[in-house]
Amino acid sequence: MAYHQGIEARHYASRVIVRESLGRICLRELRHRFSKAKMKTPPYDHVCQVGDPILRGESSPVNPRQIKSAEVQNAIKMMTKVMRSAGAVGCAAPQVGMAKQIVVMEFTKEHMESLEKEVQKAREVTVFPLKVFINPELKVIDPRIVTLLEGCLSISGYDACVPRAYGVELSGLNELGQPVTWSTTGYSARIVQHEMDHLRGKLFIDIMDSSTFVDKEWPRWNLK
């Protein structure tokens, strides 16, 4: 899950509009189709973007006996690395190209300090250490609906208001294969639900208030 600081923290990256001739577009497409470009092997060191089929499929359970294997441990390490490199608060295995039921989440002191006190209170954010859940199961413990602005690493550059349950309980296995359970509310519960959606092939755009869908850099397009 992308970490959303709010409108006051937005900055405008260098996004450029390039007009191409039809011939150049066709040439690029031909090169793409017939080139022998090498593809990376999952787990990727980048985040898969919307349109990648991996983000729309159901993830498979991990064999508990394989949790300590190099494959699973490497996936967890890469997911954590990608999440932290992006300054995000969560990452699911499909986002690094693996259709496995694994999520990692973390809300650091640095995340907290980047928010105004009023925002911390309004969103009910709390610091929590790195949490790894394998084959997680979600239970809603407080069905009250809270709608807040939300972003996603796999839909880079866009946000929307998304309704989520106020409180949830997550249970599964940790990186050591040990049973773990976490009951949480507020913003942490939102993170949990967001990552769990990824394991079901869902994205926040499926449940968002579409009227709030926004390009975070929209003012840039109106600049001279």
C-alpha atoms as a PDB file:
ATOM      1  CA  MET A   1       0.000   0.000   0.000  1.00  0.00           C
ATOM      2  CA  ALA A   2       1.324   3.403  -0.929  1.00  0.00           C
ATOM      3  CA  TYR A   3       1.854   5.738   1.995  1.00  0.00           C
ATOM      4  CA  HIS A   4      -0.406   8.773   1.648  1.00  0.00           C
ATOM      5  CA  GLN A   5       0.771  11.907   3.418  1.00  0.00           C
ATOM      6  CA  GLY A   6      -2.033  14.133   2.219  1.00  0.00           C
ATOM      7  CA  ILE A   7      -2.401  16.963  -0.221  1.00  0.00           C
ATOM      8  CA  GLU A   8       0.032  19.182   1.608  1.00  0.00           C
ATOM      9  CA  ALA A   9       2.871  16.772   0.889  1.00  0.00           C
ATOM     10  CA  ARG A  10       2.367  16.497  -2.855  1.00  0.00           C
ATOM     11  CA  HIS A  11       5.134  17.406  -5.235  1.00  0.00           C
ATOM     12  CA  TYR A  12       5.208  17.407  -8.981  1.00  0.00           C
ATOM     13  CA  ALA A  13       7.556  14.907 -10.568  1.00  0.00           C
ATOM     14  CA  SER A  14       8.850  15.272 -14.100  1.00  0.00           C
ATOM     15  CA  ARG A  15       6.070  13.736 -16.148  1.00  0.00           C
ATOM     16  CA  VAL A  16       6.434  14.704 -19.813  1.00  0.00           C
ATOM     17  CA  ILE A  17       3.947  14.526 -22.691  1.00  0.00           C
ATOM     18  CA  VAL A  18       5.639  13.416 -25.916  1.00  0.00           C
ATOM     19  CA  ARG A  19       3.917  13.651 -29.294  1.00  0.00           C
ATOM     20  CA  GLU A  20       5.012  10.838 -31.606  1.00  0.00           C
ATOM     21  CA  SER A  21       4.414  10.299 -35.285  1.00  0.00           C
ATOM     22  CA  LEU A  22       2.384   7.275 -36.372  1.00  0.00           C
ATOM     23  CA  GLY A  23       5.449   5.797 -38.048  1.00  0.00           C
ATOM     24  CA  ARG A  24       7.507   6.078 -34.894  1.00  0.00           C
ATOM     25  CA  ILE A  25       4.760   4.485 -32.833  1.00  0.00           C
ATOM     26  CA  CYS A  26       4.489   1.564 -35.271  1.00  0.00           C
ATOM     27  CA  LEU A  27       8.260   1.108 -35.296  1.00  0.00           C
ATOM     28  CA  ARG A  28       8.363   1.008 -31.521  1.00  0.00           C
ATOM     29  CA  GLU A  29       5.568  -1.570 -31.436  1.00  0.00           C
ATOM     30  CA  LEU A  30       7.356  -3.772 -33.968  1.00  0.00           C
ATOM     31  CA  ARG A  31      10.569  -3.620 -31.981  1.00  0.00           C
ATOM     32  CA  HIS A  32       8.669  -4.526 -28.854  1.00  0.00           C
ATOM     33  CA  ARG A  33       6.934  -7.497 -30.459  1.00  0.00           C
ATOM     34  CA  PHE A  34       9.918  -8.999 -32.200  1.00  0.00           C
ATOM     35  CA  SER A  35      12.798  -8.121 -29.933  1.00  0.00           C
ATOM     36  CA  LYS A  36      14.233 -10.788 -27.690  1.00  0.00           C
ATOM     37  CA  ALA A  37      14.191  -8.659 -24.587  1.00  0.00           C
ATOM     38  CA  LYS A  38      15.048 -10.511 -21.424  1.00  0.00           C
ATOM     39  CA  MET A  39      12.422 -10.476 -18.707  1.00  0.00           C
ATOM     40  CA  LYS A  40      13.196 -10.373 -15.003  1.00  0.00           C
ATOM     41  CA  THR A  41      12.439 -13.375 -12.842  1.00  0.00           C
ATOM     42  CA  PRO A  42      10.125 -12.966  -9.811  1.00  0.00           C
ATOM     43  CA  PRO A  43      10.343 -11.860  -7.130  1.00  0.00           C
ATOM     44  CA  TYR A  44      10.918  -8.562  -8.889  1.00  0.00           C
ATOM     45  CA  ASP A  45      12.841  -5.661  -7.432  1.00  0.00           C
ATOM     46  CA  HIS A  46      10.094  -3.372  -8.713  1.00  0.00           C
ATOM     47  CA  VAL A  47       6.318  -3.150  -8.281  1.00  0.00           C
ATOM     48  CA  CYS A  48       4.008  -4.628 -10.933  1.00  0.00           C
ATOM     49  CA  GLN A  49       1.642  -2.024 -12.377  1.00  0.00           C
ATOM     50  CA  VAL A  50      -2.082  -2.223 -13.074  1.00  0.00           C
ATOM     51  CA  GLY A  51      -2.642  -4.133 -16.305  1.00  0.00           C
ATOM     52  CA  ASP A  52      -0.254  -6.921 -15.296  1.00  0.00           C
ATOM     53  CA  PRO A  53      -2.389 -10.107 -15.102  1.00  0.00           C
ATOM     54  CA  ILE A  54      -0.620 -11.163 -11.888  1.00  0.00           C
ATOM     55  CA  LEU A  55      -2.536  -8.431 -10.046  1.00  0.00           C
ATOM     56  CA  ARG A  56      -5.910  -9.844 -11.064  1.00  0.00           C
ATOM     57  CA  GLY A  57      -5.496 -13.487 -10.132  1.00  0.00           C
ATOM     58  CA  GLU A  58      -6.147 -15.400  -6.914  1.00  0.00           C
ATOM     59  CA  SER A  59      -2.954 -16.109  -4.977  1.00  0.00           C
ATOM     60  CA  SER A  60      -2.111 -19.670  -3.943  1.00  0.00           C
ATOM     61  CA  PRO A  61      -1.390 -20.779  -0.364  1.00  0.00           C
ATOM     62  CA  VAL A  62       2.210 -21.433   0.600  1.00  0.00           C
ATOM     63  CA  ASN A  63       3.024 -24.959   1.760  1.00  0.00           C
ATOM     64  CA  PRO A  64       3.916 -24.444   5.446  1.00  0.00           C
ATOM     65  CA  ARG A  65       6.814 -26.862   5.047  1.00  0.00           C
ATOM     66  CA  GLN A  66       8.275 -24.546   2.409  1.00  0.00           C
ATOM     67  CA  ILE A  67       8.211 -21.356   4.474  1.00  0.00           C
ATOM     68  CA  LYS A  68      11.870 -21.667   5.464  1.00  0.00           C
ATOM     69  CA  SER A  69      12.910 -22.464   1.906  1.00  0.00           C
ATOM     70  CA  ALA A  70      15.200 -20.090   0.029  1.00  0.00           C
ATOM     71  CA  GLU A  71      12.396 -19.267  -2.421  1.00  0.00           C
ATOM     72  CA  VAL A  72       9.928 -18.076   0.213  1.00  0.00           C
ATOM     73  CA  GLN A  73      12.522 -16.328   2.359  1.00  0.00           C
ATOM     74  CA  ASN A  74      13.916 -14.522  -0.680  1.00  0.00           C
ATOM     75  CA  ALA A  75      10.401 -13.410  -1.624  1.00  0.00           C
ATOM     76  CA  ILE A  76       9.833 -11.974   1.859  1.00  0.00           C
ATOM     77  CA  LYS A  77      13.166 -10.141   1.769  1.00  0.00           C
ATOM     78  CA  MET A  78      12.467  -8.694  -1.672  1.00  0.00           C
ATOM     79  CA  MET A  79       8.939  -7.608  -0.731  1.00  0.00           C
ATOM     80  CA  THR A  80      10.300  -5.855   2.341  1.00  0.00           C
ATOM     81  CA  LYS A  81      13.052  -4.201   0.315  1.00  0.00           C
ATOM     82  CA  VAL A  82      10.622  -2.973  -2.343  1.00  0.00           C
ATOM     83  CA  MET A  83       8.181  -1.682   0.282  1.00  0.00           C
ATOM     84  CA  ARG A  84      10.874   0.227   2.154  1.00  0.00           C
ATOM     85  CA  SER A  85      12.521   1.574  -0.996  1.00  0.00           C
ATOM     86  CA  ALA A  86       9.182   3.087  -2.010  1.00  0.00           C
ATOM     87  CA  GLY A  87       8.502   4.468   1.463  1.00  0.00           C
ATOM     88  CA  ALA A  88       5.323   2.387   1.509  1.00  0.00           C
ATOM     89  CA  VAL A  89       3.545   0.685   4.398  1.00  0.00           C
ATOM     90  CA  GLY A  90       2.651  -2.640   2.807  1.00  0.00           C
ATOM     91  CA  CYS A  91       3.402  -5.025  -0.046  1.00  0.00           C
ATOM     92  CA  ALA A  92       1.742  -8.224  -1.262  1.00  0.00           C
ATOM     93  CA  ALA A  93       3.495 -11.014  -3.164  1.00  0.00           C
ATOM     94  CA  PRO A  94       1.573 -10.426  -6.435  1.00  0.00           C
ATOM     95  CA  GLN A  95       3.043  -6.925  -6.539  1.00  0.00           C
ATOM     96  CA  VAL A  96       6.505  -8.435  -7.030  1.00  0.00           C
ATOM     97  CA  GLY A  97       5.266 -11.000  -9.524  1.00  0.00           C
ATOM     98  CA  MET A  98       4.466 -13.945  -7.259  1.00  0.00           C
ATOM     99  CA  ALA A  99       0.923 -15.328  -6.922  1.00  0.00           C
ATOM    100  CA  LYS A 100       1.517 -16.456  -3.353  1.00  0.00           C
ATOM    101  CA  GLN A 101      -0.383 -15.645  -0.169  1.00  0.00           C
ATOM    102  CA  ILE A 102       2.254 -13.489   1.494  1.00  0.00           C
ATOM    103  CA  VAL A 103       1.995  -9.904   2.745  1.00  0.00           C
ATOM    104  CA  VAL A 104       4.407  -7.633   4.589  1.00  0.00           C
ATOM    105  CA  MET A 105       3.404  -4.462   6.443  1.00  0.00           C
ATOM    106  CA  GLU A 106       5.152  -1.812   8.498  1.00  0.00           C
ATOM    107  CA  PHE A 107       4.400   1.653   9.846  1.00  0.00           C
ATOM    108  CA  THR A 108       7.547   3.325  11.085  1.00  0.00           C
ATOM    109  CA  LYS A 109       8.345   6.230  13.361  1.00  0.00           C
ATOM    110  CA  GLU A 110       9.444   8.106  10.235  1.00  0.00           C
ATOM    111  CA  HIS A 111       6.023   7.570   8.655  1.00  0.00           C
ATOM    112  CA  MET A 112       4.400   8.897  11.810  1.00  0.00           C
ATOM    113  CA  GLU A 113       6.653  11.940  12.094  1.00  0.00           C
ATOM    114  CA  SER A 114       5.872  12.969   8.522  1.00  0.00           C
ATOM    115  CA  LEU A 115       2.244  13.549   9.514  1.00  0.00           C
ATOM    116  CA  GLU A 116       0.792  16.537  11.313  1.00  0.00           C
ATOM    117  CA  LYS A 117      -0.618  15.770  14.764  1.00  0.00           C
ATOM    118  CA  GLU A 118      -4.125  16.482  13.545  1.00  0.00           C
ATOM    119  CA  VAL A 119      -3.730  14.008  10.691  1.00  0.00           C
ATOM    120  CA  GLN A 120      -2.325  11.347  13.017  1.00  0.00           C
ATOM    121  CA  LYS A 121      -5.378  11.693  15.210  1.00  0.00           C
ATOM    122  CA  ALA A 122      -7.902  11.832  12.373  1.00  0.00           C
ATOM    123  CA  ARG A 123      -6.552   8.713  10.684  1.00  0.00           C
ATOM    124  CA  GLU A 124      -5.841   6.896  13.964  1.00  0.00           C
ATOM    125  CA  VAL A 125      -2.373   5.901  12.856  1.00  0.00           C
ATOM    126  CA  THR A 126      -0.072   3.879  15.077  1.00  0.00           C
ATOM    127  CA  VAL A 127       3.512   2.742  14.662  1.00  0.00           C
ATOM    128  CA  PHE A 128       3.992  -0.999  14.278  1.00  0.00           C
ATOM    129  CA  PRO A 129       7.071  -3.096  13.409  1.00  0.00           C
ATOM    130  CA  LEU A 130       7.500  -5.234  10.315  1.00  0.00           C
ATOM    131  CA  LYS A 131       4.804  -7.887  10.179  1.00  0.00           C
ATOM    132  CA  VAL A 132       4.890 -10.869   7.829  1.00  0.00           C
ATOM    133  CA  PHE A 133       1.767 -12.934   7.227  1.00  0.00           C
ATOM    134  CA  ILE A 134       1.727 -16.113   5.151  1.00  0.00           C
ATOM    135  CA  ASN A 135      -1.583 -17.721   4.189  1.00  0.00           C
ATOM    136  CA  PRO A 136      -3.419 -14.941   6.064  1.00  0.00           C
ATOM    137  CA  GLU A 137      -7.099 -15.050   6.939  1.00  0.00           C
ATOM    138  CA  LEU A 138      -9.069 -11.881   7.595  1.00  0.00           C
ATOM    139  CA  LYS A 139     -11.922 -11.398  10.036  1.00  0.00           C
ATOM    140  CA  VAL A 140     -13.812  -8.131  10.475  1.00  0.00           C
ATOM    141  CA  ILE A 141     -14.177  -7.356  14.182  1.00  0.00           C
ATOM    142  CA  ASP A 142     -15.664  -3.867  13.829  1.00  0.00           C
ATOM    143  CA  PRO A 143     -17.808  -3.412  10.697  1.00  0.00           C
ATOM    144  CA  ARG A 144     -18.133   0.357  10.963  1.00  0.00           C
ATOM    145  CA  ILE A 145     -17.098   1.849   7.633  1.00  0.00           C
ATOM    146  CA  VAL A 146     -14.448   4.549   7.410  1.00  0.00           C
ATOM    147  CA  THR A 147     -13.669   6.219   4.079  1.00  0.00           C
ATOM    148  CA  LEU A 148     -10.251   7.775   3.549  1.00  0.00           C
ATOM    149  CA  LEU A 149      -7.945   8.679   0.693  1.00  0.00           C
ATOM    150  CA  GLU A 150      -5.855   5.696  -0.338  1.00  0.00           C
ATOM    151  CA  GLY A 151      -3.085   4.965  -2.835  1.00  0.00           C
ATOM    152  CA  CYS A 152      -1.320   1.897  -4.183  1.00  0.00           C
ATOM    153  CA  LEU A 153       2.177   1.199  -5.454  1.00  0.00           C
ATOM    154  CA  SER A 154       0.607  -0.734  -8.339  1.00  0.00           C
ATOM    155  CA  ILE A 155      -1.483   2.271  -9.443  1.00  0.00           C
ATOM    156  CA  SER A 156       1.337   4.739  -9.232  1.00  0.00           C
ATOM    157  CA  GLY A 157       0.416   8.400  -9.150  1.00  0.00           C
ATOM    158  CA  TYR A 158      -3.283   8.052  -8.361  1.00  0.00           C
ATOM    159  CA  ASP A 159      -5.426   8.164  -5.212  1.00  0.00           C
ATOM    160  CA  ALA A 160      -9.098   7.802  -4.342  1.00  0.00           C
ATOM    161  CA  CYS A 161     -11.345   7.625  -1.295  1.00  0.00           C
ATOM    162  CA  VAL A 162     -11.884   4.004  -0.303  1.00  0.00           C
ATOM    163  CA  PRO A 163     -14.317   2.573   2.280  1.00  0.00           C
ATOM    164  CA  ARG A 164     -12.842   0.071   4.749  1.00  0.00           C
ATOM    165  CA  ALA A 165     -13.985  -1.680   7.916  1.00  0.00           C
ATOM    166  CA  TYR A 166     -12.779   0.034  11.091  1.00  0.00           C
ATOM    167  CA  GLY A 167     -11.413  -3.060  12.833  1.00  0.00           C
ATOM    168  CA  VAL A 168     -10.021  -6.401  11.670  1.00  0.00           C
ATOM    169  CA  GLU A 169      -8.231  -9.486  12.909  1.00  0.00           C
ATOM    170  CA  LEU A 170      -5.552 -11.116  10.770  1.00  0.00           C
ATOM    171  CA  SER A 171      -4.237 -14.606  11.419  1.00  0.00           C
ATOM    172  CA  GLY A 172      -1.688 -16.724   9.599  1.00  0.00           C
ATOM    173  CA  LEU A 173       1.936 -17.834   9.793  1.00  0.00           C
ATOM    174  CA  ASN A 174       4.988 -15.611  10.161  1.00  0.00           C
ATOM    175  CA  GLU A 175       8.329 -15.910   8.370  1.00  0.00           C
ATOM    176  CA  LEU A 176       9.357 -18.669  10.789  1.00  0.00           C
ATOM    177  CA  GLY A 177       6.213 -20.682  10.157  1.00  0.00           C
ATOM    178  CA  GLN A 178       4.777 -19.819  13.562  1.00  0.00           C
ATOM    179  CA  PRO A 179       1.050 -19.035  14.029  1.00  0.00           C
ATOM    180  CA  VAL A 180       0.396 -15.322  14.560  1.00  0.00           C
ATOM    181  CA  THR A 181      -2.716 -13.205  15.090  1.00  0.00           C
ATOM    182  CA  TRP A 182      -3.069  -9.436  14.966  1.00  0.00           C
ATOM    183  CA  SER A 183      -6.153  -7.463  15.961  1.00  0.00           C
ATOM    184  CA  THR A 184      -6.054  -3.824  14.919  1.00  0.00           C
ATOM    185  CA  THR A 185      -8.196  -0.782  14.171  1.00  0.00           C
ATOM    186  CA  GLY A 186      -7.957   2.517  12.347  1.00  0.00           C
ATOM    187  CA  TYR A 187      -5.293   3.081   9.709  1.00  0.00           C
ATOM    188  CA  SER A 188      -3.516  -0.202  10.441  1.00  0.00           C
ATOM    189  CA  ALA A 189      -6.743  -2.069   9.690  1.00  0.00           C
ATOM    190  CA  ARG A 190      -6.930  -0.209   6.380  1.00  0.00           C
ATOM    191  CA  ILE A 191      -3.431  -1.369   5.468  1.00  0.00           C
ATOM    192  CA  VAL A 192      -4.355  -4.970   6.288  1.00  0.00           C
ATOM    193  CA  GLN A 193      -7.487  -4.879   4.121  1.00  0.00           C
ATOM    194  CA  HIS A 194      -5.633  -3.246   1.243  1.00  0.00           C
ATOM    195  CA  GLU A 195      -2.944  -5.946   1.194  1.00  0.00           C
ATOM    196  CA  MET A 196      -5.470  -8.754   1.573  1.00  0.00           C
ATOM    197  CA  ASP A 197      -7.317  -7.444  -1.477  1.00  0.00           C
ATOM    198  CA  HIS A 198      -4.151  -7.994  -3.514  1.00  0.00           C
ATOM    199  CA  LEU A 199      -4.206 -11.702  -2.654  1.00  0.00           C
ATOM    200  CA  ARG A 200      -7.733 -11.903  -4.086  1.00  0.00           C
ATOM    201  CA  GLY A 201      -6.889 -10.127  -7.313  1.00  0.00           C
ATOM    202  CA  LYS A 202      -8.570  -6.892  -6.259  1.00  0.00           C
ATOM    203  CA  LEU A 203      -7.351  -3.299  -6.359  1.00  0.00           C
ATOM    204  CA  PHE A 204      -8.623  -0.207  -4.574  1.00  0.00           C
ATOM    205  CA  ILE A 205     -10.113   1.048  -7.840  1.00  0.00           C
ATOM    206  CA  ASP A 206     -12.654  -1.786  -7.611  1.00  0.00           C
ATOM    207  CA  ILE A 207     -14.243  -0.381  -4.453  1.00  0.00           C
ATOM    208  CA  MET A 208     -13.302   3.303  -4.541  1.00  0.00           C
ATOM    209  CA  ASP A 209     -15.624   6.275  -4.751  1.00  0.00           C
ATOM    210  CA  SER A 210     -14.924   6.896  -8.438  1.00  0.00           C
ATOM    211  CA  SER A 211     -15.787  10.583  -8.154  1.00  0.00           C
ATOM    212  CA  THR A 212     -12.712  11.052  -5.937  1.00  0.00           C
ATOM    213  CA  PHE A 213     -10.225   9.287  -8.238  1.00  0.00           C
ATOM    214  CA  VAL A 214      -7.401  11.758  -8.751  1.00  0.00           C
ATOM    215  CA  ASP A 215      -4.078  12.135 -10.519  1.00  0.00           C
ATOM    216  CA  LYS A 216      -1.853  13.386  -7.705  1.00  0.00           C
ATOM    217  CA  GLU A 217      -0.035  15.626 -10.157  1.00  0.00           C
ATOM    218  CA  TRP A 218      -3.090  17.026 -11.932  1.00  0.00           C
ATOM    219  CA  PRO A 219      -2.101  20.718 -11.488  1.00  0.00           C
ATOM    220  CA  ARG A 220       1.073  20.051 -13.455  1.00  0.00           C
ATOM    221  CA  TRP A 221      -0.884  19.456 -16.645  1.00  0.00           C
ATOM    222  CA  ASN A 222      -2.198  23.031 -16.491  1.00  0.00           C
ATOM    223  CA  LEU A 223       1.206  24.677 -16.168  1.00  0.00           C
ATOM    224  CA  LYS A 224       2.630  26.659 -19.067  1.00  0.00           C
END
